[in-house]
Amino acid sequence: MRFYTNTHQYYCGIELHARVMYVCIISSDGEIVLYRNMDANPESLIKAI
C-alpha cells in the first residue's frame, strides 16, 4: 500500500449521513476555511467547494 506523505494546501473531511453531510476544509496552517452542515447531494458539495 502506498502512502502519500507530502503536504497539501488544503485538507477536507466529510461526514456523510443519509440526508445531511458535514464538510470541513482546513488549510495547511490549521485555519478552518469551511465548516458546514448541508444536504447530502452532489450539487451542495460542488457549490460549497
PDB file of N, CA and C in Angstrom:
ATOM      1  N   MET A   1       0.844  -1.173   0.000  1.00  0.00           N
ATOM      2  CA  MET A   1       0.000   0.000   0.000  1.00  0.00           C
ATOM      3  C   MET A   1       0.889   1.236   0.000  1.00  0.00           C
ATOM      4  N   ARG A   2       0.578   2.175  -0.850  1.00  0.00           N
ATOM      5  CA  ARG A   2       1.364   3.402  -0.959  1.00  0.00           C
ATOM      6  C   ARG A   2       0.727   4.507  -0.129  1.00  0.00           C
ATOM      7  N   PHE A   3       1.566   5.278   0.526  1.00  0.00           N
ATOM      8  CA  PHE A   3       1.092   6.403   1.321  1.00  0.00           C
ATOM      9  C   PHE A   3       1.666   7.685   0.755  1.00  0.00           C
ATOM     10  N   TYR A   4       0.845   8.693   0.634  1.00  0.00           N
ATOM     11  CA  TYR A   4       1.277   9.992   0.137  1.00  0.00           C
ATOM     12  C   TYR A   4       1.688  10.827   1.335  1.00  0.00           C
ATOM     13  N   THR A   5       2.941  11.232   1.402  1.00  0.00           N
ATOM     14  CA  THR A   5       3.454  11.898   2.604  1.00  0.00           C
ATOM     15  C   THR A   5       3.759  13.374   2.404  1.00  0.00           C
ATOM     16  N   ASN A   6       3.493  13.931   1.230  1.00  0.00           N
ATOM     17  CA  ASN A   6       3.728  15.359   1.008  1.00  0.00           C
ATOM     18  C   ASN A   6       2.623  16.184   1.663  1.00  0.00           C
ATOM     19  N   THR A   7       2.912  17.457   1.909  1.00  0.00           N
ATOM     20  CA  THR A   7       1.888  18.341   2.479  1.00  0.00           C
ATOM     21  C   THR A   7       1.018  18.904   1.361  1.00  0.00           C
ATOM     22  N   HIS A   8      -0.191  19.269   1.723  1.00  0.00           N
ATOM     23  CA  HIS A   8      -1.148  19.834   0.776  1.00  0.00           C
ATOM     24  C   HIS A   8      -1.546  21.223   1.243  1.00  0.00           C
ATOM     25  N   GLN A   9      -2.072  22.018   0.313  1.00  0.00           N
ATOM     26  CA  GLN A   9      -2.524  23.361   0.666  1.00  0.00           C
ATOM     27  C   GLN A   9      -3.794  23.298   1.514  1.00  0.00           C
ATOM     28  N   TYR A  10      -4.683  22.343   1.210  1.00  0.00           N
ATOM     29  CA  TYR A  10      -5.936  22.193   1.938  1.00  0.00           C
ATOM     30  C   TYR A  10      -6.198  20.724   2.235  1.00  0.00           C
ATOM     31  N   TYR A  11      -6.949  20.476   3.314  1.00  0.00           N
ATOM     32  CA  TYR A  11      -7.385  19.135   3.684  1.00  0.00           C
ATOM     33  C   TYR A  11      -8.892  19.186   3.879  1.00  0.00           C
ATOM     34  N   CYS A  12      -9.581  18.110   3.486  1.00  0.00           N
ATOM     35  CA  CYS A  12     -11.037  18.081   3.557  1.00  0.00           C
ATOM     36  C   CYS A  12     -11.493  16.806   4.245  1.00  0.00           C
ATOM     37  N   GLY A  13     -12.471  16.954   5.109  1.00  0.00           N
ATOM     38  CA  GLY A  13     -13.105  15.812   5.752  1.00  0.00           C
ATOM     39  C   GLY A  13     -14.601  15.917   5.579  1.00  0.00           C
ATOM     40  N   ILE A  14     -15.239  14.786   5.282  1.00  0.00           N
ATOM     41  CA  ILE A  14     -16.688  14.765   5.073  1.00  0.00           C
ATOM     42  C   ILE A  14     -17.287  13.653   5.924  1.00  0.00           C
ATOM     43  N   GLU A  15     -18.265  14.013   6.733  1.00  0.00           N
ATOM     44  CA  GLU A  15     -19.040  13.035   7.500  1.00  0.00           C
ATOM     45  C   GLU A  15     -20.386  12.911   6.802  1.00  0.00           C
ATOM     46  N   LEU A  16     -20.609  11.784   6.161  1.00  0.00           N
ATOM     47  CA  LEU A  16     -21.785  11.603   5.320  1.00  0.00           C
ATOM     48  C   LEU A  16     -22.841  10.769   6.028  1.00  0.00           C
ATOM     49  N   HIS A  17     -24.056  11.296   6.048  1.00  0.00           N
ATOM     50  CA  HIS A  17     -25.215  10.590   6.589  1.00  0.00           C
ATOM     51  C   HIS A  17     -26.239  10.441   5.460  1.00  0.00           C
ATOM     52  N   ALA A  18     -27.376   9.870   5.749  1.00  0.00           N
ATOM     53  CA  ALA A  18     -28.385   9.615   4.719  1.00  0.00           C
ATOM     54  C   ALA A  18     -28.924  10.905   4.102  1.00  0.00           C
ATOM     55  N   ARG A  19     -29.185  11.909   4.917  1.00  0.00           N
ATOM     56  CA  ARG A  19     -29.802  13.133   4.407  1.00  0.00           C
ATOM     57  C   ARG A  19     -28.915  14.365   4.502  1.00  0.00           C
ATOM     58  N   VAL A  20     -27.937  14.352   5.382  1.00  0.00           N
ATOM     59  CA  VAL A  20     -27.059  15.511   5.561  1.00  0.00           C
ATOM     60  C   VAL A  20     -25.599  15.071   5.562  1.00  0.00           C
ATOM     61  N   MET A  21     -24.726  16.043   5.366  1.00  0.00           N
ATOM     62  CA  MET A  21     -23.295  15.788   5.487  1.00  0.00           C
ATOM     63  C   MET A  21     -22.641  16.999   6.123  1.00  0.00           C
ATOM     64  N   TYR A  22     -21.597  16.748   6.860  1.00  0.00           N
ATOM     65  CA  TYR A  22     -20.805  17.790   7.477  1.00  0.00           C
ATOM     66  C   TYR A  22     -19.495  17.864   6.713  1.00  0.00           C
ATOM     67  N   VAL A  23     -19.145  19.045   6.243  1.00  0.00           N
ATOM     68  CA  VAL A  23     -17.926  19.226   5.459  1.00  0.00           C
ATOM     69  C   VAL A  23     -17.020  20.188   6.206  1.00  0.00           C
ATOM     70  N   CYS A  24     -15.758  19.817   6.330  1.00  0.00           N
ATOM     71  CA  CYS A  24     -14.760  20.679   6.964  1.00  0.00           C
ATOM     72  C   CYS A  24     -13.531  20.726   6.066  1.00  0.00           C
ATOM     73  N   ILE A  25     -13.120  21.928   5.714  1.00  0.00           N
ATOM     74  CA  ILE A  25     -11.906  22.138   4.933  1.00  0.00           C
ATOM     75  C   ILE A  25     -10.992  23.030   5.754  1.00  0.00           C
ATOM     76  N   ILE A  26      -9.751  22.587   5.947  1.00  0.00           N
ATOM     77  CA  ILE A  26      -8.776  23.384   6.684  1.00  0.00           C
ATOM     78  C   ILE A  26      -7.542  23.594   5.809  1.00  0.00           C
ATOM     79  N   SER A  27      -6.859  24.701   6.067  1.00  0.00           N
ATOM     80  CA  SER A  27      -5.627  24.978   5.339  1.00  0.00           C
ATOM     81  C   SER A  27      -4.473  24.252   6.006  1.00  0.00           C
ATOM     82  N   SER A  28      -3.346  24.227   5.346  1.00  0.00           N
ATOM     83  CA  SER A  28      -2.181  23.554   5.924  1.00  0.00           C
ATOM     84  C   SER A  28      -1.689  24.263   7.177  1.00  0.00           C
ATOM     85  N   ASP A  29      -2.106  25.518   7.384  1.00  0.00           N
ATOM     86  CA  ASP A  29      -1.763  26.273   8.590  1.00  0.00           C
ATOM     87  C   ASP A  29      -2.692  25.946   9.759  1.00  0.00           C
ATOM     88  N   GLY A  30      -3.752  25.176   9.502  1.00  0.00           N
ATOM     89  CA  GLY A  30      -4.701  24.811  10.540  1.00  0.00           C
ATOM     90  C   GLY A  30      -5.902  25.735  10.622  1.00  0.00           C
ATOM     91  N   GLU A  31      -6.011  26.694   9.699  1.00  0.00           N
ATOM     92  CA  GLU A  31      -7.137  27.624   9.685  1.00  0.00           C
ATOM     93  C   GLU A  31      -8.351  26.956   9.043  1.00  0.00           C
ATOM     94  N   ILE A  32      -9.511  27.064   9.694  1.00  0.00           N
ATOM     95  CA  ILE A  32     -10.742  26.488   9.147  1.00  0.00           C
ATOM     96  C   ILE A  32     -11.228  27.374   8.008  1.00  0.00           C
ATOM     97  N   VAL A  33     -11.294  26.811   6.820  1.00  0.00           N
ATOM     98  CA  VAL A  33     -11.745  27.535   5.639  1.00  0.00           C
ATOM     99  C   VAL A  33     -13.253  27.372   5.466  1.00  0.00           C
ATOM    100  N   LEU A  34     -13.758  26.163   5.733  1.00  0.00           N
ATOM    101  CA  LEU A  34     -15.180  25.883   5.602  1.00  0.00           C
ATOM    102  C   LEU A  34     -15.571  24.832   6.620  1.00  0.00           C
ATOM    103  N   TYR A  35     -16.633  25.074   7.343  1.00  0.00           N
ATOM    104  CA  TYR A  35     -17.215  24.078   8.240  1.00  0.00           C
ATOM    105  C   TYR A  35     -18.711  24.234   8.116  1.00  0.00           C
ATOM    106  N   ARG A  36     -19.366  23.277   7.468  1.00  0.00           N
ATOM    107  CA  ARG A  36     -20.771  23.467   7.139  1.00  0.00           C
ATOM    108  C   ARG A  36     -21.540  22.150   7.213  1.00  0.00           C
ATOM    109  N   ASN A  37     -22.782  22.254   7.664  1.00  0.00           N
ATOM    110  CA  ASN A  37     -23.758  21.171   7.655  1.00  0.00           C
ATOM    111  C   ASN A  37     -24.654  21.434   6.459  1.00  0.00           C
ATOM    112  N   MET A  38     -24.771  20.466   5.545  1.00  0.00           N
ATOM    113  CA  MET A  38     -25.551  20.705   4.324  1.00  0.00           C
ATOM    114  C   MET A  38     -26.271  19.437   3.892  1.00  0.00           C
ATOM    115  N   ASP A  39     -27.153  19.581   2.910  1.00  0.00           N
ATOM    116  CA  ASP A  39     -27.856  18.427   2.347  1.00  0.00           C
ATOM    117  C   ASP A  39     -26.849  17.490   1.693  1.00  0.00           C
ATOM    118  N   ALA A  40     -27.128  16.201   1.781  1.00  0.00           N
ATOM    119  CA  ALA A  40     -26.229  15.188   1.218  1.00  0.00           C
ATOM    120  C   ALA A  40     -26.568  14.949  -0.250  1.00  0.00           C
ATOM    121  N   ASN A  41     -26.123  15.868  -1.093  1.00  0.00           N
ATOM    122  CA  ASN A  41     -26.263  15.670  -2.533  1.00  0.00           C
ATOM    123  C   ASN A  41     -25.054  16.308  -3.229  1.00  0.00           C
ATOM    124  N   PRO A  42     -24.724  15.839  -4.408  1.00  0.00           N
ATOM    125  CA  PRO A  42     -23.523  16.329  -5.089  1.00  0.00           C
ATOM    126  C   PRO A  42     -23.546  17.829  -5.378  1.00  0.00           C
ATOM    127  N   GLU A  43     -24.707  18.361  -5.682  1.00  0.00           N
ATOM    128  CA  GLU A  43     -24.808  19.782  -6.013  1.00  0.00           C
ATOM    129  C   GLU A  43     -24.399  20.661  -4.832  1.00  0.00           C
ATOM    130  N   SER A  44     -24.809  20.297  -3.619  1.00  0.00           N
ATOM    131  CA  SER A  44     -24.462  21.051  -2.420  1.00  0.00           C
ATOM    132  C   SER A  44     -22.956  21.042  -2.192  1.00  0.00           C
ATOM    133  N   LEU A  45     -22.342  19.887  -2.382  1.00  0.00           N
ATOM    134  CA  LEU A  45     -20.905  19.779  -2.162  1.00  0.00           C
ATOM    135  C   LEU A  45     -20.126  20.580  -3.191  1.00  0.00           C
ATOM    136  N   ILE A  46     -20.504  20.482  -4.452  1.00  0.00           N
ATOM    137  CA  ILE A  46     -19.805  21.223  -5.508  1.00  0.00           C
ATOM    138  C   ILE A  46     -19.964  22.720  -5.289  1.00  0.00           C
ATOM    139  N   LYS A  47     -21.138  23.167  -4.890  1.00  0.00           N
ATOM    140  CA  LYS A  47     -21.363  24.595  -4.632  1.00  0.00           C
ATOM    141  C   LYS A  47     -20.501  25.086  -3.461  1.00  0.00           C
ATOM    142  N   ALA A  48     -20.329  24.245  -2.439  1.00  0.00           N
ATOM    143  CA  ALA A  48     -19.550  24.643  -1.262  1.00  0.00           C
ATOM    144  C   ALA A  48     -18.061  24.746  -1.571  1.00  0.00           C
ATOM    145  N   ILE A  49     -17.553  23.825  -2.381  1.00  0.00           N
ATOM    146  CA  ILE A  49     -16.117  23.868  -2.654  1.00  0.00           C
ATOM    147  C   ILE A  49     -15.807  24.696  -3.873  1.00  0.00           C
TER     148      ILE A  49
END
